[in-house]
Amino acid sequence: MASVIVLAAAAACCCILLAASVSPASAAPVVYSVGDERGWAVPAGNGTETYNHWAKKNRFQVGDVLDFKYAAKDSVLLVNHDDYKMCSTVTPLTRFADGDTKFKFDRTGFFFFVSGVPGHCEAGQRMIASVVGHSTLAAAPAKPPAVGVVGGHAPGPSPSPNQAVSAPESPSYGSSSGGSTSTTGFGPSPSTEPSGASRRALSTVTGLVASVVAMIALA
């Protein structure tokens, strides 16, 4: 009887480990309201927080969405790094002017946004967003996180408006739900169907549990 109890305990441990191995590999996308209650607008004269301060407080990942809410006469421009530094609105990569732009990150790296209204960028209505990839549950044994790692993700760069950052050559840019002059459309949602390895792991768990139940019944 004691051996049956030991086997049952071992089977329970195996079930827990295998269940963890078939957990979803990444977190669901998050929608961020740019500027929170303030929205996308020229910062107040006595404001203490710029949009880059707001962006640094958040951790953007591929698939996450920025929700820009702004006045009818305003706009959101996706630009390259040089145009961001000079507040140039002449040749944006993408222009949005629908008042409620939802921009989805489709790659890692830096994204540069400015207002399209003359003088607004110079007054502080611009932002750099740093995007990292989704974390996954690796099959290898977990290692202690390095200093500075937060929530299992390697810390992303924290750029400032005056920091020289080279934009990637010919990148693919995020998409918007509408109101833009150039969009790529949202990509397909990640599949949640179990992989072949997951199905085999679940089959193994089922067989193991059935064996333990049979042994207990015969004891």
N, C-alpha and C. Protein backbone atom coordinates (compact mmCIF):
# COMPACT_ATOMS: atom_id res chain seq x y z
N MET A 1 0.83 -1.21 0.00
CA MET A 1 0.00 0.00 0.00
C MET A 1 0.87 1.27 0.00
N ALA A 2 1.98 1.20 0.76
CA ALA A 2 2.87 2.36 0.81
C ALA A 2 3.45 2.67 -0.55
N SER A 3 3.80 1.59 -1.31
CA SER A 3 4.37 1.81 -2.64
C SER A 3 3.35 2.46 -3.58
N VAL A 4 2.06 2.09 -3.41
CA VAL A 4 1.01 2.70 -4.24
C VAL A 4 0.90 4.18 -3.95
N ILE A 5 0.98 4.56 -2.68
CA ILE A 5 0.90 5.98 -2.30
C ILE A 5 2.07 6.75 -2.89
N VAL A 6 3.28 6.13 -2.85
CA VAL A 6 4.45 6.79 -3.43
C VAL A 6 4.27 7.00 -4.92
N LEU A 7 3.76 5.95 -5.61
CA LEU A 7 3.53 6.08 -7.05
C LEU A 7 2.50 7.15 -7.37
N ALA A 8 1.46 7.22 -6.53
CA ALA A 8 0.43 8.25 -6.76
C ALA A 8 1.00 9.64 -6.60
N ALA A 9 1.86 9.83 -5.58
CA ALA A 9 2.49 11.13 -5.38
C ALA A 9 3.39 11.49 -6.55
N ALA A 10 4.16 10.50 -7.05
CA ALA A 10 5.03 10.76 -8.19
C ALA A 10 4.22 11.13 -9.42
N ALA A 11 3.08 10.44 -9.62
CA ALA A 11 2.23 10.74 -10.77
C ALA A 11 1.67 12.14 -10.68
N ALA A 12 1.30 12.58 -9.47
CA ALA A 12 0.77 13.93 -9.29
C ALA A 12 1.81 14.97 -9.65
N CYS A 13 3.07 14.74 -9.23
CA CYS A 13 4.15 15.67 -9.56
C CYS A 13 4.35 15.75 -11.07
N CYS A 14 4.31 14.57 -11.73
CA CYS A 14 4.48 14.56 -13.19
C CYS A 14 3.36 15.33 -13.87
N CYS A 15 2.14 15.18 -13.35
CA CYS A 15 1.00 15.89 -13.94
C CYS A 15 1.19 17.39 -13.86
N ILE A 16 1.68 17.87 -12.70
CA ILE A 16 1.88 19.32 -12.52
C ILE A 16 2.93 19.83 -13.48
N LEU A 17 4.05 19.10 -13.60
CA LEU A 17 5.13 19.55 -14.49
C LEU A 17 4.71 19.54 -15.95
N LEU A 18 3.98 18.49 -16.37
CA LEU A 18 3.55 18.41 -17.77
C LEU A 18 2.49 19.45 -18.08
N ALA A 19 1.62 19.74 -17.11
CA ALA A 19 0.61 20.78 -17.33
C ALA A 19 1.27 22.13 -17.52
N ALA A 20 2.34 22.39 -16.76
CA ALA A 20 3.06 23.65 -16.91
C ALA A 20 3.73 23.74 -18.27
N SER A 21 4.20 22.57 -18.78
CA SER A 21 4.91 22.59 -20.06
C SER A 21 4.00 22.87 -21.24
N VAL A 22 2.69 22.68 -21.08
CA VAL A 22 1.78 22.93 -22.20
C VAL A 22 0.97 24.20 -21.98
N SER A 23 1.42 25.08 -21.07
CA SER A 23 0.76 26.36 -20.84
C SER A 23 0.96 27.26 -22.04
N PRO A 24 0.10 28.28 -22.23
CA PRO A 24 0.28 29.21 -23.35
C PRO A 24 1.66 29.82 -23.32
N ALA A 25 2.25 29.99 -24.50
CA ALA A 25 3.64 30.45 -24.57
C ALA A 25 3.78 31.94 -24.39
N SER A 26 2.75 32.71 -24.55
CA SER A 26 2.89 34.15 -24.45
C SER A 26 1.63 34.77 -23.88
N ALA A 27 1.81 35.98 -23.34
CA ALA A 27 0.69 36.68 -22.74
C ALA A 27 -0.18 37.31 -23.82
N ALA A 28 -1.42 37.61 -23.45
CA ALA A 28 -2.34 38.24 -24.40
C ALA A 28 -1.89 39.67 -24.66
N PRO A 29 -2.15 40.20 -25.87
CA PRO A 29 -1.78 41.58 -26.17
C PRO A 29 -2.46 42.55 -25.21
N VAL A 30 -1.78 43.66 -24.95
CA VAL A 30 -2.29 44.68 -24.03
C VAL A 30 -2.56 45.96 -24.83
N VAL A 31 -3.67 46.64 -24.52
CA VAL A 31 -3.99 47.92 -25.15
C VAL A 31 -3.62 49.04 -24.18
N TYR A 32 -2.76 49.95 -24.61
CA TYR A 32 -2.31 51.07 -23.78
C TYR A 32 -2.94 52.36 -24.28
N SER A 33 -3.59 53.10 -23.39
CA SER A 33 -4.14 54.41 -23.73
C SER A 33 -3.04 55.45 -23.60
N VAL A 34 -2.59 55.96 -24.72
CA VAL A 34 -1.45 56.88 -24.73
C VAL A 34 -1.77 58.13 -23.90
N GLY A 35 -0.91 58.42 -22.93
CA GLY A 35 -1.10 59.58 -22.08
C GLY A 35 -2.16 59.41 -21.02
N ASP A 36 -2.73 58.20 -20.92
CA ASP A 36 -3.80 57.92 -19.95
C ASP A 36 -4.95 58.90 -20.15
N GLU A 37 -5.42 59.54 -19.07
CA GLU A 37 -6.59 60.42 -19.17
C GLU A 37 -6.34 61.64 -20.07
N ARG A 38 -5.08 62.06 -20.15
CA ARG A 38 -4.75 63.24 -20.95
C ARG A 38 -4.94 62.99 -22.43
N GLY A 39 -4.67 61.75 -22.87
CA GLY A 39 -4.75 61.46 -24.29
C GLY A 39 -3.54 62.01 -25.04
N TRP A 40 -3.70 62.14 -26.35
CA TRP A 40 -2.62 62.62 -27.23
C TRP A 40 -2.86 64.09 -27.50
N ALA A 41 -2.12 64.96 -26.80
CA ALA A 41 -2.31 66.41 -26.91
C ALA A 41 -1.02 67.09 -26.48
N VAL A 42 -0.96 68.39 -26.72
CA VAL A 42 0.21 69.17 -26.30
C VAL A 42 0.27 69.16 -24.77
N PRO A 43 1.40 68.78 -24.17
CA PRO A 43 1.50 68.77 -22.71
C PRO A 43 1.26 70.16 -22.14
N ALA A 44 0.64 70.20 -20.97
CA ALA A 44 0.38 71.48 -20.32
C ALA A 44 1.70 72.18 -19.99
N GLY A 45 1.65 73.48 -19.93
CA GLY A 45 2.86 74.26 -19.68
C GLY A 45 3.56 73.90 -18.39
N ASN A 46 2.77 73.56 -17.37
CA ASN A 46 3.37 73.22 -16.08
C ASN A 46 3.41 71.70 -15.87
N GLY A 47 3.22 70.95 -16.95
CA GLY A 47 3.22 69.49 -16.83
C GLY A 47 4.59 68.97 -16.47
N THR A 48 4.63 67.92 -15.67
CA THR A 48 5.91 67.35 -15.23
C THR A 48 6.22 66.05 -15.96
N GLU A 49 5.30 65.55 -16.75
CA GLU A 49 5.51 64.28 -17.43
C GLU A 49 5.35 64.43 -18.94
N THR A 50 6.36 64.04 -19.69
CA THR A 50 6.26 64.04 -21.14
C THR A 50 5.78 62.67 -21.59
N TYR A 51 5.54 62.54 -22.89
CA TYR A 51 5.08 61.25 -23.41
C TYR A 51 6.18 60.20 -23.33
N ASN A 52 7.43 60.61 -23.39
CA ASN A 52 8.51 59.65 -23.23
C ASN A 52 8.59 59.14 -21.79
N HIS A 53 8.29 59.99 -20.82
CA HIS A 53 8.20 59.52 -19.43
C HIS A 53 7.09 58.48 -19.32
N TRP A 54 5.96 58.76 -19.96
CA TRP A 54 4.83 57.81 -19.92
C TRP A 54 5.23 56.48 -20.57
N ALA A 55 5.91 56.56 -21.70
CA ALA A 55 6.29 55.34 -22.43
C ALA A 55 7.27 54.50 -21.62
N LYS A 56 8.18 55.15 -20.89
CA LYS A 56 9.17 54.41 -20.11
C LYS A 56 8.52 53.64 -18.97
N LYS A 57 7.36 54.07 -18.51
CA LYS A 57 6.69 53.39 -17.41
C LYS A 57 6.01 52.11 -17.86
N ASN A 58 5.87 51.93 -19.17
CA ASN A 58 5.19 50.75 -19.71
C ASN A 58 6.18 49.85 -20.43
N ARG A 59 5.80 48.59 -20.53
CA ARG A 59 6.67 47.61 -21.19
C ARG A 59 5.93 47.06 -22.41
N PHE A 60 6.25 47.59 -23.58
CA PHE A 60 5.54 47.23 -24.80
C PHE A 60 6.14 45.96 -25.40
N GLN A 61 5.25 45.09 -25.88
CA GLN A 61 5.68 43.85 -26.54
C GLN A 61 5.02 43.76 -27.91
N VAL A 62 5.61 42.93 -28.77
CA VAL A 62 5.04 42.72 -30.10
C VAL A 62 3.60 42.22 -29.94
N GLY A 63 2.69 42.84 -30.68
CA GLY A 63 1.27 42.48 -30.58
C GLY A 63 0.48 43.43 -29.72
N ASP A 64 1.15 44.20 -28.84
CA ASP A 64 0.43 45.18 -28.01
C ASP A 64 -0.06 46.34 -28.89
N VAL A 65 -1.00 47.10 -28.35
CA VAL A 65 -1.65 48.16 -29.13
C VAL A 65 -1.58 49.48 -28.39
N LEU A 66 -1.22 50.55 -29.11
CA LEU A 66 -1.29 51.90 -28.57
C LEU A 66 -2.59 52.54 -29.03
N ASP A 67 -3.35 53.06 -28.09
CA ASP A 67 -4.63 53.71 -28.41
C ASP A 67 -4.44 55.22 -28.26
N PHE A 68 -4.35 55.92 -29.40
CA PHE A 68 -4.20 57.38 -29.42
C PHE A 68 -5.58 58.01 -29.51
N LYS A 69 -5.94 58.84 -28.54
CA LYS A 69 -7.19 59.60 -28.59
C LYS A 69 -6.82 61.09 -28.63
N TYR A 70 -7.36 61.81 -29.63
CA TYR A 70 -6.94 63.20 -29.82
C TYR A 70 -8.04 64.01 -30.48
N ALA A 71 -7.84 65.31 -30.51
CA ALA A 71 -8.83 66.23 -31.07
C ALA A 71 -8.93 66.06 -32.58
N ALA A 72 -10.05 66.53 -33.13
CA ALA A 72 -10.34 66.34 -34.56
C ALA A 72 -9.28 66.98 -35.46
N LYS A 73 -8.70 68.10 -35.04
CA LYS A 73 -7.73 68.79 -35.87
C LYS A 73 -6.31 68.29 -35.68
N ASP A 74 -6.12 67.36 -34.77
CA ASP A 74 -4.78 66.84 -34.49
C ASP A 74 -4.53 65.57 -35.33
N SER A 75 -3.38 64.95 -35.14
CA SER A 75 -3.04 63.74 -35.89
C SER A 75 -1.88 63.03 -35.21
N VAL A 76 -1.61 61.82 -35.69
CA VAL A 76 -0.47 61.03 -35.20
C VAL A 76 0.35 60.64 -36.41
N LEU A 77 1.64 60.93 -36.37
CA LEU A 77 2.53 60.59 -37.46
C LEU A 77 3.59 59.60 -36.97
N LEU A 78 3.73 58.50 -37.70
CA LEU A 78 4.84 57.58 -37.46
C LEU A 78 5.99 58.03 -38.35
N VAL A 79 7.12 58.35 -37.74
CA VAL A 79 8.24 58.93 -38.50
C VAL A 79 9.52 58.14 -38.19
N ASN A 80 10.58 58.44 -38.93
CA ASN A 80 11.88 57.85 -38.63
C ASN A 80 12.58 58.67 -37.56
N HIS A 81 13.75 58.19 -37.14
CA HIS A 81 14.43 58.84 -36.02
C HIS A 81 14.86 60.26 -36.33
N ASP A 82 15.37 60.48 -37.55
CA ASP A 82 15.83 61.83 -37.91
C ASP A 82 14.67 62.83 -37.90
N ASP A 83 13.52 62.43 -38.47
CA ASP A 83 12.37 63.33 -38.48
C ASP A 83 11.85 63.56 -37.07
N TYR A 84 11.97 62.56 -36.22
CA TYR A 84 11.57 62.73 -34.82
C TYR A 84 12.44 63.80 -34.16
N LYS A 85 13.76 63.70 -34.35
CA LYS A 85 14.66 64.67 -33.73
C LYS A 85 14.40 66.09 -34.22
N MET A 86 14.08 66.24 -35.52
CA MET A 86 13.88 67.57 -36.09
C MET A 86 12.43 68.02 -36.07
N CYS A 87 11.52 67.14 -35.54
CA CYS A 87 10.09 67.44 -35.55
C CYS A 87 9.61 67.72 -36.97
N SER A 88 10.11 66.95 -37.91
CA SER A 88 9.70 67.12 -39.30
C SER A 88 8.44 66.30 -39.58
N THR A 89 7.46 66.93 -40.21
CA THR A 89 6.20 66.26 -40.55
C THR A 89 5.99 66.17 -42.07
N VAL A 90 7.04 66.43 -42.83
CA VAL A 90 6.91 66.50 -44.29
C VAL A 90 6.75 65.13 -44.91
N THR A 91 7.56 64.17 -44.48
CA THR A 91 7.52 62.84 -45.11
C THR A 91 7.36 61.75 -44.04
N PRO A 92 6.19 61.67 -43.41
CA PRO A 92 5.99 60.64 -42.39
C PRO A 92 5.91 59.25 -43.02
N LEU A 93 6.23 58.23 -42.25
CA LEU A 93 6.08 56.86 -42.72
C LEU A 93 4.61 56.50 -42.83
N THR A 94 3.82 56.97 -41.85
CA THR A 94 2.37 56.75 -41.85
C THR A 94 1.72 57.91 -41.12
N ARG A 95 0.55 58.32 -41.62
CA ARG A 95 -0.20 59.42 -40.99
C ARG A 95 -1.58 58.92 -40.58
N PHE A 96 -2.00 59.26 -39.37
CA PHE A 96 -3.32 58.89 -38.85
C PHE A 96 -4.03 60.17 -38.42
N ALA A 97 -5.33 60.27 -38.74
CA ALA A 97 -6.06 61.49 -38.40
C ALA A 97 -7.53 61.19 -38.10
N ASP A 98 -7.81 60.01 -37.52
CA ASP A 98 -9.20 59.63 -37.26
C ASP A 98 -9.68 59.98 -35.87
N GLY A 99 -8.77 60.49 -35.00
CA GLY A 99 -9.16 60.89 -33.66
C GLY A 99 -9.11 59.77 -32.63
N ASP A 100 -9.07 58.54 -33.08
CA ASP A 100 -9.00 57.38 -32.17
C ASP A 100 -8.20 56.29 -32.88
N THR A 101 -6.89 56.47 -32.93
CA THR A 101 -6.01 55.56 -33.67
C THR A 101 -5.52 54.43 -32.78
N LYS A 102 -5.70 53.21 -33.25
CA LYS A 102 -5.18 52.05 -32.54
C LYS A 102 -4.04 51.46 -33.36
N PHE A 103 -2.83 51.63 -32.84
CA PHE A 103 -1.62 51.23 -33.56
C PHE A 103 -1.06 49.97 -32.93
N LYS A 104 -0.94 48.90 -33.74
CA LYS A 104 -0.45 47.60 -33.24
C LYS A 104 1.02 47.41 -33.59
N PHE A 105 1.81 47.06 -32.57
CA PHE A 105 3.24 46.80 -32.79
C PHE A 105 3.41 45.45 -33.49
N ASP A 106 4.10 45.46 -34.63
CA ASP A 106 4.29 44.22 -35.38
C ASP A 106 5.75 43.79 -35.44
N ARG A 107 6.61 44.43 -34.67
CA ARG A 107 8.02 44.08 -34.65
C ARG A 107 8.65 44.63 -33.37
N THR A 108 9.87 44.18 -33.09
CA THR A 108 10.61 44.74 -31.97
C THR A 108 11.38 45.97 -32.45
N GLY A 109 11.88 46.75 -31.50
CA GLY A 109 12.66 47.93 -31.86
C GLY A 109 11.99 49.22 -31.41
N PHE A 110 12.39 50.32 -32.04
CA PHE A 110 11.90 51.64 -31.67
C PHE A 110 10.85 52.14 -32.66
N PHE A 111 9.83 52.79 -32.14
CA PHE A 111 8.80 53.45 -32.95
C PHE A 111 8.78 54.93 -32.53
N PHE A 112 8.73 55.82 -33.52
CA PHE A 112 8.79 57.26 -33.26
C PHE A 112 7.48 57.92 -33.71
N PHE A 113 6.85 58.64 -32.80
CA PHE A 113 5.57 59.28 -33.09
C PHE A 113 5.67 60.78 -32.82
N VAL A 114 5.03 61.58 -33.69
CA VAL A 114 4.93 63.02 -33.47
C VAL A 114 3.54 63.48 -33.88
N SER A 115 3.14 64.64 -33.39
CA SER A 115 1.89 65.24 -33.85
C SER A 115 2.12 65.89 -35.20
N GLY A 116 1.10 65.86 -36.05
CA GLY A 116 1.22 66.47 -37.37
C GLY A 116 0.89 67.94 -37.40
N VAL A 117 0.44 68.50 -36.28
CA VAL A 117 0.08 69.92 -36.24
C VAL A 117 1.34 70.75 -36.02
N PRO A 118 1.57 71.78 -36.84
CA PRO A 118 2.78 72.59 -36.69
C PRO A 118 2.92 73.13 -35.26
N GLY A 119 4.12 72.97 -34.71
CA GLY A 119 4.42 73.49 -33.38
C GLY A 119 4.12 72.52 -32.25
N HIS A 120 3.29 71.52 -32.48
CA HIS A 120 2.93 70.60 -31.40
C HIS A 120 4.10 69.70 -31.01
N CYS A 121 4.83 69.20 -31.99
CA CYS A 121 5.98 68.34 -31.68
C CYS A 121 7.00 69.12 -30.86
N GLU A 122 7.29 70.35 -31.28
CA GLU A 122 8.26 71.18 -30.56
C GLU A 122 7.79 71.46 -29.13
N ALA A 123 6.48 71.45 -28.91
CA ALA A 123 5.93 71.72 -27.58
C ALA A 123 5.86 70.46 -26.72
N GLY A 124 6.34 69.34 -27.25
CA GLY A 124 6.40 68.12 -26.44
C GLY A 124 5.47 67.01 -26.84
N GLN A 125 4.70 67.19 -27.93
CA GLN A 125 3.77 66.13 -28.34
C GLN A 125 4.49 65.18 -29.30
N ARG A 126 5.36 64.37 -28.76
CA ARG A 126 6.09 63.37 -29.50
C ARG A 126 6.50 62.27 -28.53
N MET A 127 6.80 61.08 -29.08
CA MET A 127 7.06 59.94 -28.20
C MET A 127 7.89 58.88 -28.90
N ILE A 128 8.77 58.23 -28.11
CA ILE A 128 9.52 57.06 -28.56
C ILE A 128 9.01 55.85 -27.79
N ALA A 129 8.64 54.80 -28.50
CA ALA A 129 8.18 53.56 -27.87
C ALA A 129 9.18 52.46 -28.19
N SER A 130 9.67 51.80 -27.15
CA SER A 130 10.61 50.68 -27.32
C SER A 130 9.84 49.37 -27.14
N VAL A 131 9.94 48.48 -28.13
CA VAL A 131 9.14 47.25 -28.15
C VAL A 131 10.05 46.03 -28.07
N VAL A 132 9.71 45.09 -27.19
CA VAL A 132 10.46 43.84 -27.06
C VAL A 132 9.58 42.69 -27.49
N GLY A 133 10.18 41.52 -27.68
CA GLY A 133 9.43 40.34 -28.09
C GLY A 133 8.71 39.71 -26.91
N HIS A 134 7.72 38.86 -27.20
CA HIS A 134 7.01 38.14 -26.15
C HIS A 134 7.95 37.14 -25.50
N SER A 135 7.78 36.94 -24.20
CA SER A 135 8.52 35.90 -23.50
C SER A 135 7.82 34.57 -23.72
N THR A 136 8.59 33.48 -23.62
CA THR A 136 8.02 32.14 -23.77
C THR A 136 8.47 31.27 -22.62
N LEU A 137 7.71 30.20 -22.36
CA LEU A 137 8.11 29.23 -21.34
C LEU A 137 9.07 28.25 -21.98
N ALA A 138 10.35 28.40 -21.70
CA ALA A 138 11.36 27.55 -22.33
C ALA A 138 11.31 26.16 -21.73
N ALA A 139 11.71 25.17 -22.56
CA ALA A 139 11.73 23.79 -22.09
C ALA A 139 12.90 23.55 -21.16
N ALA A 140 13.98 24.33 -21.29
CA ALA A 140 15.14 24.15 -20.44
C ALA A 140 14.82 24.61 -19.03
N PRO A 141 15.57 24.10 -18.02
CA PRO A 141 15.33 24.53 -16.63
C PRO A 141 15.48 26.02 -16.49
N ALA A 142 14.61 26.60 -15.69
CA ALA A 142 14.64 28.04 -15.50
C ALA A 142 15.91 28.46 -14.79
N LYS A 143 16.47 29.60 -15.20
CA LYS A 143 17.67 30.13 -14.58
C LYS A 143 17.30 31.38 -13.79
N PRO A 144 18.06 31.67 -12.71
CA PRO A 144 17.77 32.90 -11.95
C PRO A 144 17.89 34.11 -12.85
N PRO A 145 16.96 35.06 -12.77
CA PRO A 145 17.03 36.26 -13.63
C PRO A 145 18.24 37.09 -13.31
N ALA A 146 18.79 37.70 -14.36
CA ALA A 146 19.93 38.59 -14.18
C ALA A 146 19.48 39.88 -13.53
N VAL A 147 20.43 40.61 -13.00
CA VAL A 147 20.10 41.88 -12.34
C VAL A 147 19.45 42.81 -13.34
N GLY A 148 18.33 43.40 -12.97
CA GLY A 148 17.61 44.32 -13.84
C GLY A 148 16.50 43.69 -14.62
N VAL A 149 16.38 42.34 -14.60
CA VAL A 149 15.30 41.68 -15.32
C VAL A 149 14.02 41.82 -14.54
N VAL A 150 12.94 42.22 -15.20
CA VAL A 150 11.66 42.45 -14.54
C VAL A 150 10.61 41.57 -15.17
N GLY A 151 9.92 40.78 -14.36
CA GLY A 151 8.81 39.98 -14.84
C GLY A 151 9.19 38.97 -15.90
N GLY A 152 10.47 38.51 -15.88
CA GLY A 152 10.87 37.49 -16.83
C GLY A 152 11.28 38.02 -18.19
N HIS A 153 11.22 39.35 -18.36
CA HIS A 153 11.60 39.95 -19.64
C HIS A 153 12.91 40.69 -19.46
N ALA A 154 13.77 40.63 -20.45
CA ALA A 154 14.98 41.43 -20.41
C ALA A 154 14.59 42.89 -20.56
N PRO A 155 15.18 43.78 -19.75
CA PRO A 155 14.76 45.18 -19.80
C PRO A 155 15.05 45.79 -21.15
N GLY A 156 14.08 46.49 -21.70
CA GLY A 156 14.26 47.16 -22.98
C GLY A 156 15.00 48.47 -22.81
N PRO A 157 15.54 49.03 -23.87
CA PRO A 157 16.23 50.32 -23.79
C PRO A 157 15.27 51.41 -23.35
N SER A 158 15.80 52.42 -22.69
CA SER A 158 14.98 53.53 -22.25
C SER A 158 15.47 54.79 -22.94
N PRO A 159 15.05 55.01 -24.19
CA PRO A 159 15.55 56.15 -24.96
C PRO A 159 14.99 57.45 -24.45
N SER A 160 15.69 58.52 -24.75
CA SER A 160 15.21 59.86 -24.44
C SER A 160 15.16 60.64 -25.73
N PRO A 161 14.43 61.76 -25.76
CA PRO A 161 14.30 62.52 -27.01
C PRO A 161 15.63 62.95 -27.58
N ASN A 162 16.67 63.17 -26.70
CA ASN A 162 17.94 63.66 -27.20
C ASN A 162 18.95 62.56 -27.46
N GLN A 163 18.55 61.32 -27.21
CA GLN A 163 19.45 60.19 -27.41
C GLN A 163 19.49 59.81 -28.88
N ALA A 164 20.68 59.65 -29.42
CA ALA A 164 20.82 59.28 -30.83
C ALA A 164 20.59 57.79 -30.98
N VAL A 165 19.52 57.42 -31.65
CA VAL A 165 19.19 56.01 -31.87
C VAL A 165 18.94 55.82 -33.36
N SER A 166 19.65 54.91 -33.95
CA SER A 166 19.49 54.67 -35.39
C SER A 166 18.29 53.78 -35.63
N ALA A 167 17.40 54.20 -36.51
CA ALA A 167 16.23 53.38 -36.86
C ALA A 167 16.66 52.25 -37.77
N PRO A 168 16.00 51.08 -37.68
CA PRO A 168 16.36 49.95 -38.55
C PRO A 168 16.12 50.29 -40.01
N GLU A 169 16.92 49.68 -40.88
CA GLU A 169 16.73 49.92 -42.31
C GLU A 169 15.54 49.14 -42.83
N SER A 170 14.69 49.83 -43.57
CA SER A 170 13.53 49.23 -44.22
C SER A 170 12.75 48.31 -43.30
N PRO A 171 12.28 48.84 -42.13
CA PRO A 171 11.52 47.96 -41.24
C PRO A 171 10.09 47.83 -41.70
N SER A 172 9.38 46.83 -41.18
CA SER A 172 7.94 46.75 -41.39
C SER A 172 7.30 47.45 -40.22
N TYR A 173 6.27 48.24 -40.45
CA TYR A 173 5.71 49.08 -39.40
C TYR A 173 4.37 48.55 -38.94
N GLY A 174 4.00 49.00 -37.75
CA GLY A 174 2.76 48.54 -37.11
C GLY A 174 1.55 48.95 -37.90
N SER A 175 0.40 48.50 -37.47
CA SER A 175 -0.83 48.73 -38.21
C SER A 175 -1.82 49.51 -37.38
N SER A 176 -2.81 50.05 -38.04
CA SER A 176 -3.84 50.82 -37.36
C SER A 176 -5.20 50.28 -37.75
N SER A 177 -6.19 50.54 -36.87
CA SER A 177 -7.55 50.08 -37.15
C SER A 177 -8.25 50.95 -38.18
N GLY A 178 -7.67 52.09 -38.52
CA GLY A 178 -8.29 52.92 -39.56
C GLY A 178 -7.84 54.35 -39.45
N GLY A 179 -8.23 55.20 -40.45
CA GLY A 179 -7.94 56.61 -40.42
C GLY A 179 -6.54 56.96 -40.87
N SER A 180 -5.79 56.06 -41.43
CA SER A 180 -4.43 56.35 -41.85
C SER A 180 -4.35 56.36 -43.36
N THR A 181 -3.25 56.97 -43.86
CA THR A 181 -3.02 56.98 -45.29
C THR A 181 -2.20 55.79 -45.72
N SER A 182 -1.66 55.02 -44.77
CA SER A 182 -0.87 53.84 -45.10
C SER A 182 -0.95 52.87 -43.95
N THR A 183 -1.63 51.74 -44.17
CA THR A 183 -1.75 50.74 -43.11
C THR A 183 -1.45 49.37 -43.68
N THR A 184 -1.08 48.46 -42.77
CA THR A 184 -0.77 47.11 -43.19
C THR A 184 -1.78 46.11 -42.69
N GLY A 185 -2.72 46.52 -41.83
CA GLY A 185 -3.73 45.61 -41.31
C GLY A 185 -3.19 44.78 -40.18
N PHE A 186 -4.09 44.37 -39.29
CA PHE A 186 -3.68 43.56 -38.16
C PHE A 186 -3.31 42.18 -38.65
N GLY A 187 -2.26 41.63 -38.07
CA GLY A 187 -1.85 40.27 -38.40
C GLY A 187 -2.77 39.28 -37.73
N PRO A 188 -2.71 38.00 -38.14
CA PRO A 188 -3.57 36.97 -37.55
C PRO A 188 -3.25 36.77 -36.10
N SER A 189 -4.28 36.46 -35.31
CA SER A 189 -4.07 36.22 -33.90
C SER A 189 -3.28 34.94 -33.73
N PRO A 190 -2.40 34.90 -32.68
CA PRO A 190 -1.61 33.67 -32.47
C PRO A 190 -2.53 32.49 -32.24
N SER A 191 -2.22 31.34 -32.83
CA SER A 191 -3.04 30.15 -32.67
C SER A 191 -2.92 29.61 -31.27
N THR A 192 -4.06 29.20 -30.71
CA THR A 192 -4.06 28.63 -29.37
C THR A 192 -4.24 27.12 -29.41
N GLU A 193 -4.25 26.50 -30.62
CA GLU A 193 -4.42 25.05 -30.73
C GLU A 193 -3.17 24.36 -30.22
N PRO A 194 -3.31 23.32 -29.37
CA PRO A 194 -2.14 22.64 -28.82
C PRO A 194 -1.26 22.06 -29.92
N SER A 195 0.05 22.11 -29.72
CA SER A 195 0.98 21.54 -30.68
C SER A 195 1.02 20.04 -30.53
N GLY A 196 1.76 19.37 -31.48
CA GLY A 196 1.88 17.92 -31.39
C GLY A 196 2.55 17.50 -30.10
N ALA A 197 3.56 18.27 -29.67
CA ALA A 197 4.25 17.94 -28.42
C ALA A 197 3.31 18.07 -27.24
N SER A 198 2.45 19.10 -27.27
CA SER A 198 1.50 19.29 -26.18
C SER A 198 0.52 18.14 -26.11
N ARG A 199 0.02 17.69 -27.29
CA ARG A 199 -0.93 16.58 -27.29
C ARG A 199 -0.28 15.29 -26.78
N ARG A 200 1.01 15.08 -27.16
CA ARG A 200 1.69 13.88 -26.66
C ARG A 200 1.87 13.96 -25.16
N ALA A 201 2.19 15.17 -24.63
CA ALA A 201 2.37 15.33 -23.18
C ALA A 201 1.08 15.05 -22.45
N LEU A 202 -0.04 15.56 -22.99
CA LEU A 202 -1.33 15.33 -22.35
C LEU A 202 -1.70 13.85 -22.39
N SER A 203 -1.37 13.16 -23.50
CA SER A 203 -1.66 11.74 -23.60
C SER A 203 -0.87 10.96 -22.57
N THR A 204 0.38 11.37 -22.36
CA THR A 204 1.22 10.71 -21.36
C THR A 204 0.65 10.88 -19.97
N VAL A 205 0.19 12.12 -19.67
CA VAL A 205 -0.42 12.38 -18.36
C VAL A 205 -1.64 11.49 -18.15
N THR A 206 -2.48 11.41 -19.18
CA THR A 206 -3.71 10.60 -19.06
C THR A 206 -3.38 9.14 -18.80
N GLY A 207 -2.39 8.61 -19.54
CA GLY A 207 -2.02 7.21 -19.35
C GLY A 207 -1.44 6.96 -17.97
N LEU A 208 -0.62 7.91 -17.49
CA LEU A 208 -0.01 7.76 -16.17
C LEU A 208 -1.05 7.77 -15.07
N VAL A 209 -1.99 8.69 -15.16
CA VAL A 209 -3.05 8.76 -14.15
C VAL A 209 -3.88 7.50 -14.17
N ALA A 210 -4.20 7.00 -15.37
CA ALA A 210 -5.01 5.78 -15.46
C ALA A 210 -4.28 4.60 -14.82
N SER A 211 -2.95 4.51 -14.99
CA SER A 211 -2.18 3.43 -14.40
C SER A 211 -2.21 3.50 -12.88
N VAL A 212 -2.08 4.72 -12.35
CA VAL A 212 -2.09 4.89 -10.89
C VAL A 212 -3.45 4.49 -10.32
N VAL A 213 -4.51 4.92 -11.00
CA VAL A 213 -5.87 4.57 -10.53
C VAL A 213 -6.06 3.06 -10.52
N ALA A 214 -5.55 2.36 -11.55
CA ALA A 214 -5.68 0.90 -11.62
C ALA A 214 -4.91 0.23 -10.48
N MET A 215 -3.72 0.76 -10.18
CA MET A 215 -2.89 0.18 -9.12
C MET A 215 -3.56 0.36 -7.76
N ILE A 216 -4.16 1.54 -7.56
CA ILE A 216 -4.85 1.80 -6.28
C ILE A 216 -6.04 0.86 -6.14
N ALA A 217 -6.75 0.61 -7.24
CA ALA A 217 -7.93 -0.26 -7.19
C ALA A 217 -7.54 -1.71 -6.86
N LEU A 218 -6.34 -2.11 -7.33
CA LEU A 218 -5.89 -3.49 -7.08
C LEU A 218 -5.23 -3.65 -5.72
N ALA A 219 -4.89 -2.57 -5.07
CA ALA A 219 -4.18 -2.66 -3.78
C ALA A 219 -5.10 -3.18 -2.69
